[in-house]
Each structure stands twice: as structure tokens, then as C-alpha cells.
Amino acid sequence: MDLLEKPQSLIRRHPWETSRFTFLRRILHKAHVLRPDLRVLDVGAGDAWLGRQMMTTVPGKMDLTCWDKGYGELAVSSDAQIRWCRDRPQGRFDLLLLLDVLEHIPDDRSFLKEIVSLNAAPGSYLLITVPCWPLFFGAHDVRLQHLRRYRPRDCRSLLISAGLNIMSEGNFFHGPLIARALTVMSEKLRISPRPPKDLGQWDHGAGLTRLVTWALTLDNHCSELFARWGWSIPGLSYWALCQKKPSS
């Protein structure tokens, strides 16, 4: 969860967040990326929930570094198992997570190239997600300080220019794309007086939470099939599992 969305007290995790973690974990597992003694850098880690969840899925010990410029300004829970960095960490890592990060960066191309050059070990993996479709840039993006949304082909070009080989890729959250389109349309027509809720504002009961989680999980299973078949079905987000080129 982005630190901008983190409430003082959290009732339960948003189904979008939990289903996204499950989806991304499967991508890493099927690519045989998750292994013992994995050195992981979570860029823009926020409250580090996803990193903590990842630690429970790796056999043996996982060395996790969480990097977010918000640390020091907003409190995070102390955890001796995690290294917290407000500034760029030193060293190279086996797996780098950039999950909904690049849209915050003014010069995303230089930022990504620098990370690949300075923090990615030879042959290391990068798992990257970004929000899709500039047409659907709306109030929620402004609230989260997004600078852009991406067309998948533009993000693909960005990754290749940074010296990365794309091993697998696709779109996900196809159903929520329809909801985002309706929300942005209502904003443009000025018929949506209430601002969109943040992830930390999910306060619905266990029953509805399970139902929404089930629907999003089904949606994500479809995303896996689409990616396997090479079908580019539009979704709310784009994902890519990449590997650093030997010469980068």
C-alpha cells in the first residue's frame, strides 16, 4: 500500500491488494524466481505489506530491503527482518520489485536505467507493474501523485531501453478497467461529487470482502491465460517479468 493511502488504523486489506499479491507471486513462482537466500529490493515499498507476504512464500531466508522516499516522514513499523531505506540502498539484488512505481517518477527512463545499472545483479529479475491507459487518468491518479498512465507498448519500450529482456508480460485487472472508465467518465461529466476511496479505506464486511476477492482472483486467472496465449486483452494494469541483460 502506498504510504499516501495508509490510514491510522487498518480494518482489513483491500481485495485488490490481496489478489494482486497472489497474482504476482504466481508469476514469480512459475518462473522459478523464488528460491532460498533471495536478495530482494522492493522499490517504492510503501508500508511493506507485500514484501512481508513475499517473505512467507520463499523457502529458507529472504533478505528484504524496502526503499521508499516516504520513510522518515511517515512512520513505518519497525521490523528487524527488513532493511528500511529512504535513500537509494547500496548493493545489488537478485529480484527487484517496482510495483506501481514508475508512474510517480518525472524521468522514468533515467530512473529505471540507473536502478538496473546500480542495483540489479547480473542475471537478476525485475517484476514491474504500471497503471494503464492515459485516457483513464483521473482524480485517483492525482491523489496518489501519479504523473502518467502507460500504454503497454510504451512501457515495453521503456523496459527494453533500460537493458532488460522481457521474459513474460501481460495485462491484468480487466474487470476493474470498466469501473475505472465509468469513474473517469463521471468525473469529466462532473457527476461524481465524492472523491474515489483509497485502498486503506476499505471497511466492508468479511462476506463482501471474500466475494470481491473471489471475483478479482478469477479475473487474474483469466489474465494468466491471456498472457500464456499471447492475447493482449486491455486491463487496468500492465505487468512484466524481466531479466537484466549481461551487458547492462
C-alpha atoms as a PDB file:
ATOM      1  CA  MET A   1       0.000   0.000   0.000  1.00  0.00           C
ATOM      2  CA  ASP A   2       1.239   3.476  -0.897  1.00  0.00           C
ATOM      3  CA  LEU A   3       2.062   5.492   2.235  1.00  0.00           C
ATOM      4  CA  LEU A   4      -0.342   8.194   0.981  1.00  0.00           C
ATOM      5  CA  GLU A   5      -3.158   5.646   1.320  1.00  0.00           C
ATOM      6  CA  LYS A   6      -2.155   4.205   4.693  1.00  0.00           C
ATOM      7  CA  PRO A   7      -4.724   5.071   7.394  1.00  0.00           C
ATOM      8  CA  GLN A   8      -4.050   5.440  11.102  1.00  0.00           C
ATOM      9  CA  SER A   9      -5.763   2.103  11.698  1.00  0.00           C
ATOM     10  CA  LEU A  10      -6.412  -0.564   9.069  1.00  0.00           C
ATOM     11  CA  ILE A  11      -9.503  -2.758   9.357  1.00  0.00           C
ATOM     12  CA  ARG A  12      -8.605  -5.200   6.571  1.00  0.00           C
ATOM     13  CA  ARG A  13      -6.647  -5.230   3.341  1.00  0.00           C
ATOM     14  CA  HIS A  14      -8.411  -4.221   0.153  1.00  0.00           C
ATOM     15  CA  PRO A  15      -9.275  -7.232  -2.075  1.00  0.00           C
ATOM     16  CA  TRP A  16      -7.423  -5.529  -4.943  1.00  0.00           C
ATOM     17  CA  GLU A  17      -4.245  -5.583  -2.880  1.00  0.00           C
ATOM     18  CA  THR A  18      -4.500  -9.190  -1.727  1.00  0.00           C
ATOM     19  CA  SER A  19      -5.496 -10.527  -5.152  1.00  0.00           C
ATOM     20  CA  ARG A  20      -2.673  -8.576  -6.798  1.00  0.00           C
ATOM     21  CA  PHE A  21      -0.152 -10.144  -4.412  1.00  0.00           C
ATOM     22  CA  THR A  22      -1.437 -13.648  -5.172  1.00  0.00           C
ATOM     23  CA  PHE A  23      -1.238 -12.993  -8.913  1.00  0.00           C
ATOM     24  CA  LEU A  24       2.297 -11.606  -8.815  1.00  0.00           C
ATOM     25  CA  ARG A  25       3.519 -14.365  -6.507  1.00  0.00           C
ATOM     26  CA  ARG A  26       2.282 -16.955  -9.011  1.00  0.00           C
ATOM     27  CA  ILE A  27       4.197 -15.230 -11.811  1.00  0.00           C
ATOM     28  CA  LEU A  28       7.414 -15.408  -9.795  1.00  0.00           C
ATOM     29  CA  HIS A  29       6.778 -18.977  -8.651  1.00  0.00           C
ATOM     30  CA  LYS A  30       6.078 -20.292 -12.154  1.00  0.00           C
ATOM     31  CA  ALA A  31       9.233 -18.611 -13.451  1.00  0.00           C
ATOM     32  CA  HIS A  32      11.233 -20.317 -10.635  1.00  0.00           C
ATOM     33  CA  VAL A  33      12.428 -16.947  -9.338  1.00  0.00           C
ATOM     34  CA  LEU A  34      11.589 -17.603  -5.681  1.00  0.00           C
ATOM     35  CA  ARG A  35      14.435 -19.508  -4.075  1.00  0.00           C
ATOM     36  CA  PRO A  36      16.333 -19.628  -0.747  1.00  0.00           C
ATOM     37  CA  ASP A  37      18.638 -16.743   0.218  1.00  0.00           C
ATOM     38  CA  LEU A  38      17.000 -14.399  -2.287  1.00  0.00           C
ATOM     39  CA  ARG A  39      18.146 -10.773  -2.075  1.00  0.00           C
ATOM     40  CA  VAL A  40      15.081  -8.630  -2.797  1.00  0.00           C
ATOM     41  CA  LEU A  41      14.768  -4.872  -3.259  1.00  0.00           C
ATOM     42  CA  ASP A  42      11.214  -3.534  -3.064  1.00  0.00           C
ATOM     43  CA  VAL A  43      11.340  -0.094  -4.719  1.00  0.00           C
ATOM     44  CA  GLY A  44       8.581   2.240  -3.515  1.00  0.00           C
ATOM     45  CA  ALA A  45       7.640  -0.388  -0.948  1.00  0.00           C
ATOM     46  CA  GLY A  46       5.100   1.726   0.938  1.00  0.00           C
ATOM     47  CA  ASP A  47       4.044   0.006   4.136  1.00  0.00           C
ATOM     48  CA  ALA A  48       5.953  -3.146   3.033  1.00  0.00           C
ATOM     49  CA  TRP A  49       2.936  -5.440   3.366  1.00  0.00           C
ATOM     50  CA  LEU A  50       3.627  -7.115   0.033  1.00  0.00           C
ATOM     51  CA  GLY A  51       7.285  -7.670   0.892  1.00  0.00           C
ATOM     52  CA  ARG A  52       6.367  -9.260   4.208  1.00  0.00           C
ATOM     53  CA  GLN A  53       3.914 -11.559   2.449  1.00  0.00           C
ATOM     54  CA  MET A  54       6.597 -12.481  -0.061  1.00  0.00           C
ATOM     55  CA  MET A  55       8.932 -13.480   2.764  1.00  0.00           C
ATOM     56  CA  THR A  56       6.472 -16.165   3.856  1.00  0.00           C
ATOM     57  CA  THR A  57       6.465 -17.785   0.392  1.00  0.00           C
ATOM     58  CA  VAL A  58      10.225 -18.191  -0.103  1.00  0.00           C
ATOM     59  CA  PRO A  59      11.827 -21.412   1.150  1.00  0.00           C
ATOM     60  CA  GLY A  60      14.565 -20.543   3.590  1.00  0.00           C
ATOM     61  CA  LYS A  61      15.662 -16.990   4.368  1.00  0.00           C
ATOM     62  CA  MET A  62      14.860 -13.956   2.214  1.00  0.00           C
ATOM     63  CA  ASP A  63      16.920 -10.756   2.514  1.00  0.00           C
ATOM     64  CA  LEU A  64      14.395  -7.922   2.017  1.00  0.00           C
ATOM     65  CA  THR A  65      15.256  -4.243   1.564  1.00  0.00           C
ATOM     66  CA  CYS A  66      12.380  -1.766   1.381  1.00  0.00           C
ATOM     67  CA  TRP A  67      13.106   1.598  -0.234  1.00  0.00           C
ATOM     68  CA  ASP A  68      10.619   4.463  -0.131  1.00  0.00           C
ATOM     69  CA  LYS A  69      11.220   8.206  -0.004  1.00  0.00           C
ATOM     70  CA  GLY A  70       8.300   8.493   2.447  1.00  0.00           C
ATOM     71  CA  TYR A  71      10.204   6.730   5.232  1.00  0.00           C
ATOM     72  CA  GLY A  72      11.214   9.208   7.873  1.00  0.00           C
ATOM     73  CA  GLU A  73       8.271  11.471   7.080  1.00  0.00           C
ATOM     74  CA  LEU A  74       5.613   8.868   7.784  1.00  0.00           C
ATOM     75  CA  ALA A  75       6.044   6.188  10.417  1.00  0.00           C
ATOM     76  CA  VAL A  76       6.527   2.562   9.408  1.00  0.00           C
ATOM     77  CA  SER A  77       6.511  -0.420  11.688  1.00  0.00           C
ATOM     78  CA  SER A  78       9.935  -1.456  12.892  1.00  0.00           C
ATOM     79  CA  ASP A  79      10.866  -4.930  11.723  1.00  0.00           C
ATOM     80  CA  ALA A  80      14.316  -6.370  12.327  1.00  0.00           C
ATOM     81  CA  GLN A  81      13.903  -8.729   9.371  1.00  0.00           C
ATOM     82  CA  ILE A  82      13.622  -5.821   6.918  1.00  0.00           C
ATOM     83  CA  ARG A  83      16.162  -3.181   5.955  1.00  0.00           C
ATOM     84  CA  TRP A  84      14.435   0.218   5.610  1.00  0.00           C
ATOM     85  CA  CYS A  85      15.903   2.853   3.252  1.00  0.00           C
ATOM     86  CA  ARG A  86      14.700   6.337   2.465  1.00  0.00           C
ATOM     87  CA  ASP A  87      17.616   6.908   0.051  1.00  0.00           C
ATOM     88  CA  ARG A  88      18.899   4.572  -2.639  1.00  0.00           C
ATOM     89  CA  PRO A  89      20.353   1.432  -0.996  1.00  0.00           C
ATOM     90  CA  GLN A  90      23.843   0.197  -1.773  1.00  0.00           C
ATOM     91  CA  GLY A  91      24.466  -3.203  -3.286  1.00  0.00           C
ATOM     92  CA  ARG A  92      22.951  -5.451  -5.912  1.00  0.00           C
ATOM     93  CA  PHE A  93      19.913  -7.688  -5.659  1.00  0.00           C
ATOM     94  CA  ASP A  94      18.568 -10.893  -7.211  1.00  0.00           C
ATOM     95  CA  LEU A  95      14.967  -9.650  -7.508  1.00  0.00           C
ATOM     96  CA  LEU A  96      13.776  -6.065  -7.794  1.00  0.00           C
ATOM     97  CA  LEU A  97      10.107  -5.177  -7.386  1.00  0.00           C
ATOM     98  CA  LEU A  98       8.861  -1.957  -8.984  1.00  0.00           C
ATOM     99  CA  LEU A  99       5.145  -2.276  -8.408  1.00  0.00           C
ATOM    100  CA  ASP A 100       3.230   0.840  -9.455  1.00  0.00           C
ATOM    101  CA  VAL A 101       6.347   2.987  -9.050  1.00  0.00           C
ATOM    102  CA  LEU A 102       7.407   4.344 -12.445  1.00  0.00           C
ATOM    103  CA  GLU A 103       4.281   6.469 -12.836  1.00  0.00           C
ATOM    104  CA  HIS A 104       5.499   8.594  -9.893  1.00  0.00           C
ATOM    105  CA  ILE A 105       8.902   9.383 -11.411  1.00  0.00           C
ATOM    106  CA  PRO A 106       9.383  12.518 -13.568  1.00  0.00           C
ATOM    107  CA  ASP A 107      12.230  10.967 -15.613  1.00  0.00           C
ATOM    108  CA  ASP A 108      11.175   7.330 -15.541  1.00  0.00           C
ATOM    109  CA  ARG A 109      13.660   6.300 -18.243  1.00  0.00           C
ATOM    110  CA  SER A 110      16.765   7.573 -16.424  1.00  0.00           C
ATOM    111  CA  PHE A 111      15.453   6.288 -13.077  1.00  0.00           C
ATOM    112  CA  LEU A 112      14.958   2.761 -14.408  1.00  0.00           C
ATOM    113  CA  LYS A 113      18.304   2.687 -16.199  1.00  0.00           C
ATOM    114  CA  GLU A 114      20.038   3.769 -13.007  1.00  0.00           C
ATOM    115  CA  ILE A 115      18.353   1.057 -10.953  1.00  0.00           C
ATOM    116  CA  VAL A 116      19.282  -1.608 -13.498  1.00  0.00           C
ATOM    117  CA  SER A 117      22.877  -0.358 -13.602  1.00  0.00           C
ATOM    118  CA  LEU A 118      23.454   0.124  -9.865  1.00  0.00           C
ATOM    119  CA  ASN A 119      21.122  -2.268  -8.054  1.00  0.00           C
ATOM    120  CA  ALA A 120      20.491  -5.239 -10.355  1.00  0.00           C
ATOM    121  CA  ALA A 121      22.957  -8.113 -10.174  1.00  0.00           C
ATOM    122  CA  PRO A 122      23.915  -9.866 -13.438  1.00  0.00           C
ATOM    123  CA  GLY A 123      21.016 -12.098 -14.478  1.00  0.00           C
ATOM    124  CA  SER A 124      18.726 -10.651 -11.810  1.00  0.00           C
ATOM    125  CA  TYR A 125      14.968 -10.381 -12.265  1.00  0.00           C
ATOM    126  CA  LEU A 126      12.721  -7.311 -12.194  1.00  0.00           C
ATOM    127  CA  LEU A 127       8.963  -7.523 -11.734  1.00  0.00           C
ATOM    128  CA  ILE A 128       7.292  -4.315 -12.857  1.00  0.00           C
ATOM    129  CA  THR A 129       3.692  -3.116 -12.872  1.00  0.00           C
ATOM    130  CA  VAL A 130       2.240   0.202 -14.050  1.00  0.00           C
ATOM    131  CA  PRO A 131      -1.288   1.631 -14.399  1.00  0.00           C
ATOM    132  CA  CYS A 132      -2.546   1.573 -17.972  1.00  0.00           C
ATOM    133  CA  TRP A 133      -4.186   3.883 -20.473  1.00  0.00           C
ATOM    134  CA  PRO A 134      -3.668   7.685 -20.377  1.00  0.00           C
ATOM    135  CA  LEU A 135      -7.324   8.091 -21.334  1.00  0.00           C
ATOM    136  CA  PHE A 136      -8.293   6.923 -17.845  1.00  0.00           C
ATOM    137  CA  PHE A 137      -6.093   9.331 -15.890  1.00  0.00           C
ATOM    138  CA  GLY A 138      -8.387  10.728 -13.190  1.00  0.00           C
ATOM    139  CA  ALA A 139      -8.783  12.120  -9.698  1.00  0.00           C
ATOM    140  CA  HIS A 140      -7.403   8.991  -8.040  1.00  0.00           C
ATOM    141  CA  ASP A 141      -4.180   9.326 -10.039  1.00  0.00           C
ATOM    142  CA  VAL A 142      -3.871  12.953  -8.952  1.00  0.00           C
ATOM    143  CA  ARG A 143      -4.483  11.971  -5.330  1.00  0.00           C
ATOM    144  CA  LEU A 144      -1.681   9.382  -5.485  1.00  0.00           C
ATOM    145  CA  GLN A 145       0.655  11.820  -7.244  1.00  0.00           C
ATOM    146  CA  HIS A 146       0.804   9.830 -10.463  1.00  0.00           C
ATOM    147  CA  LEU A 147       2.379  11.697 -13.354  1.00  0.00           C
ATOM    148  CA  ARG A 148       1.108   9.403 -16.083  1.00  0.00           C
ATOM    149  CA  ARG A 149      -0.599   6.184 -17.056  1.00  0.00           C
ATOM    150  CA  TYR A 150       1.073   3.976 -19.677  1.00  0.00           C
ATOM    151  CA  ARG A 151       0.143   2.310 -22.903  1.00  0.00           C
ATOM    152  CA  PRO A 152       1.538  -1.254 -22.674  1.00  0.00           C
ATOM    153  CA  ARG A 153       3.655  -0.785 -25.799  1.00  0.00           C
ATOM    154  CA  ASP A 154       5.207   2.380 -24.313  1.00  0.00           C
ATOM    155  CA  CYS A 155       6.121   0.621 -21.073  1.00  0.00           C
ATOM    156  CA  ARG A 156       7.528  -2.296 -23.059  1.00  0.00           C
ATOM    157  CA  SER A 157       9.754   0.101 -24.997  1.00  0.00           C
ATOM    158  CA  LEU A 158      10.870   1.713 -21.721  1.00  0.00           C
ATOM    159  CA  LEU A 159      11.917  -1.644 -20.252  1.00  0.00           C
ATOM    160  CA  ILE A 160      13.881  -2.665 -23.324  1.00  0.00           C
ATOM    161  CA  SER A 161      15.676   0.703 -23.432  1.00  0.00           C
ATOM    162  CA  ALA A 162      16.857   0.091 -19.841  1.00  0.00           C
ATOM    163  CA  GLY A 163      18.708  -3.073 -20.858  1.00  0.00           C
ATOM    164  CA  LEU A 164      16.055  -5.603 -19.852  1.00  0.00           C
ATOM    165  CA  ASN A 165      14.868  -8.779 -21.541  1.00  0.00           C
ATOM    166  CA  ILE A 166      11.112  -9.244 -21.137  1.00  0.00           C
ATOM    167  CA  MET A 167      10.522 -12.878 -20.178  1.00  0.00           C
ATOM    168  CA  SER A 168       6.755 -12.671 -19.812  1.00  0.00           C
ATOM    169  CA  GLU A 169       4.187  -9.875 -19.797  1.00  0.00           C
ATOM    170  CA  GLY A 170       0.519  -9.089 -19.936  1.00  0.00           C
ATOM    171  CA  ASN A 171      -2.364  -7.003 -18.679  1.00  0.00           C
ATOM    172  CA  PHE A 172      -4.420  -7.691 -15.573  1.00  0.00           C
ATOM    173  CA  PHE A 173      -7.499  -6.419 -13.712  1.00  0.00           C
ATOM    174  CA  HIS A 174      -9.699  -6.459 -16.803  1.00  0.00           C
ATOM    175  CA  GLY A 175     -12.996  -6.048 -14.935  1.00  0.00           C
ATOM    176  CA  PRO A 176     -11.782  -3.083 -12.845  1.00  0.00           C
ATOM    177  CA  LEU A 177     -10.831  -1.318 -16.089  1.00  0.00           C
ATOM    178  CA  ILE A 178     -14.544  -0.970 -16.824  1.00  0.00           C
ATOM    179  CA  ALA A 179     -15.142   0.528 -13.375  1.00  0.00           C
ATOM    180  CA  ARG A 180     -12.263   2.975 -13.890  1.00  0.00           C
ATOM    181  CA  ALA A 181     -13.657   4.011 -17.281  1.00  0.00           C
ATOM    182  CA  LEU A 182     -17.063   4.759 -15.728  1.00  0.00           C
ATOM    183  CA  THR A 183     -15.462   6.681 -12.856  1.00  0.00           C
ATOM    184  CA  VAL A 184     -13.349   8.867 -15.131  1.00  0.00           C
ATOM    185  CA  MET A 185     -16.328   9.475 -17.412  1.00  0.00           C
ATOM    186  CA  SER A 186     -18.420  10.637 -14.456  1.00  0.00           C
ATOM    187  CA  GLU A 187     -15.584  12.940 -13.370  1.00  0.00           C
ATOM    188  CA  LYS A 188     -15.414  14.534 -16.788  1.00  0.00           C
ATOM    189  CA  LEU A 189     -19.179  14.981 -16.793  1.00  0.00           C
ATOM    190  CA  ARG A 190     -18.973  16.396 -13.242  1.00  0.00           C
ATOM    191  CA  ILE A 191     -21.499  13.918 -11.858  1.00  0.00           C
ATOM    192  CA  SER A 192     -19.184  12.336  -9.268  1.00  0.00           C
ATOM    193  CA  PRO A 193     -19.149  14.649  -6.215  1.00  0.00           C
ATOM    194  CA  ARG A 194     -17.285  12.254  -3.896  1.00  0.00           C
ATOM    195  CA  PRO A 195     -13.564  11.579  -4.409  1.00  0.00           C
ATOM    196  CA  PRO A 196     -12.547   7.935  -5.050  1.00  0.00           C
ATOM    197  CA  LYS A 197     -11.609   5.915  -1.981  1.00  0.00           C
ATOM    198  CA  ASP A 198      -8.043   4.882  -1.195  1.00  0.00           C
ATOM    199  CA  LEU A 199      -7.007   1.268  -0.591  1.00  0.00           C
ATOM    200  CA  GLY A 200      -6.776   1.967   3.133  1.00  0.00           C
ATOM    201  CA  GLN A 201     -10.436   2.982   3.285  1.00  0.00           C
ATOM    202  CA  TRP A 202     -11.828  -0.495   2.611  1.00  0.00           C
ATOM    203  CA  ASP A 203     -14.184  -1.043   5.550  1.00  0.00           C
ATOM    204  CA  HIS A 204     -16.673  -3.586   4.230  1.00  0.00           C
ATOM    205  CA  GLY A 205     -17.574  -6.808   5.994  1.00  0.00           C
ATOM    206  CA  ALA A 206     -15.901 -10.182   5.632  1.00  0.00           C
ATOM    207  CA  GLY A 207     -18.605 -11.525   3.315  1.00  0.00           C
ATOM    208  CA  LEU A 208     -18.317  -8.777   0.716  1.00  0.00           C
ATOM    209  CA  THR A 209     -14.539  -8.846   1.023  1.00  0.00           C
ATOM    210  CA  ARG A 210     -14.479 -12.572   0.196  1.00  0.00           C
ATOM    211  CA  LEU A 211     -16.851 -12.061  -2.736  1.00  0.00           C
ATOM    212  CA  VAL A 212     -14.817  -9.241  -4.272  1.00  0.00           C
ATOM    213  CA  THR A 213     -11.571 -11.149  -3.666  1.00  0.00           C
ATOM    214  CA  TRP A 214     -13.030 -14.198  -5.428  1.00  0.00           C
ATOM    215  CA  ALA A 215     -14.105 -12.083  -8.425  1.00  0.00           C
ATOM    216  CA  LEU A 216     -10.693 -10.419  -8.718  1.00  0.00           C
ATOM    217  CA  THR A 217      -8.907 -13.761  -8.340  1.00  0.00           C
ATOM    218  CA  LEU A 218     -10.999 -15.183 -11.191  1.00  0.00           C
ATOM    219  CA  ASP A 219     -10.165 -12.101 -13.241  1.00  0.00           C
ATOM    220  CA  ASN A 220      -6.461 -12.663 -12.577  1.00  0.00           C
ATOM    221  CA  HIS A 221      -6.643 -16.321 -13.600  1.00  0.00           C
ATOM    222  CA  CYS A 222      -8.047 -15.116 -16.914  1.00  0.00           C
ATOM    223  CA  SER A 223      -5.110 -12.704 -17.158  1.00  0.00           C
ATOM    224  CA  GLU A 224      -2.674 -15.605 -16.809  1.00  0.00           C
ATOM    225  CA  LEU A 225      -4.406 -17.492 -19.608  1.00  0.00           C
ATOM    226  CA  PHE A 226      -4.453 -14.427 -21.854  1.00  0.00           C
ATOM    227  CA  ALA A 227      -0.721 -13.915 -21.280  1.00  0.00           C
ATOM    228  CA  ARG A 228       0.019 -17.594 -21.971  1.00  0.00           C
ATOM    229  CA  TRP A 229      -1.973 -17.469 -25.220  1.00  0.00           C
ATOM    230  CA  GLY A 230      -0.413 -14.164 -26.260  1.00  0.00           C
ATOM    231  CA  TRP A 231      -3.728 -12.294 -26.175  1.00  0.00           C
ATOM    232  CA  SER A 232      -3.378  -8.576 -25.416  1.00  0.00           C
ATOM    233  CA  ILE A 233      -6.694  -8.003 -23.629  1.00  0.00           C
ATOM    234  CA  PRO A 234      -6.792  -4.489 -22.079  1.00  0.00           C
ATOM    235  CA  GLY A 235      -6.592  -4.298 -18.299  1.00  0.00           C
ATOM    236  CA  LEU A 236      -6.262  -1.658 -15.617  1.00  0.00           C
ATOM    237  CA  SER A 237      -2.554  -2.515 -15.192  1.00  0.00           C
ATOM    238  CA  TYR A 238       0.366  -3.893 -17.208  1.00  0.00           C
ATOM    239  CA  TRP A 239       2.928  -6.306 -15.754  1.00  0.00           C
ATOM    240  CA  ALA A 240       6.265  -7.591 -16.999  1.00  0.00           C
ATOM    241  CA  LEU A 241       8.786 -10.032 -15.594  1.00  0.00           C
ATOM    242  CA  CYS A 242      12.194  -9.025 -16.919  1.00  0.00           C
ATOM    243  CA  GLN A 243      15.795 -10.140 -16.637  1.00  0.00           C
ATOM    244  CA  LYS A 244      18.856  -7.934 -16.782  1.00  0.00           C
ATOM    245  CA  LYS A 245      20.918  -8.363 -19.931  1.00  0.00           C
ATOM    246  CA  PRO A 246      24.520  -9.460 -19.257  1.00  0.00           C
ATOM    247  CA  SER A 247      25.921  -6.298 -20.857  1.00  0.00           C
ATOM    248  CA  SER A 248      23.646  -3.843 -18.975  1.00  0.00           C
END
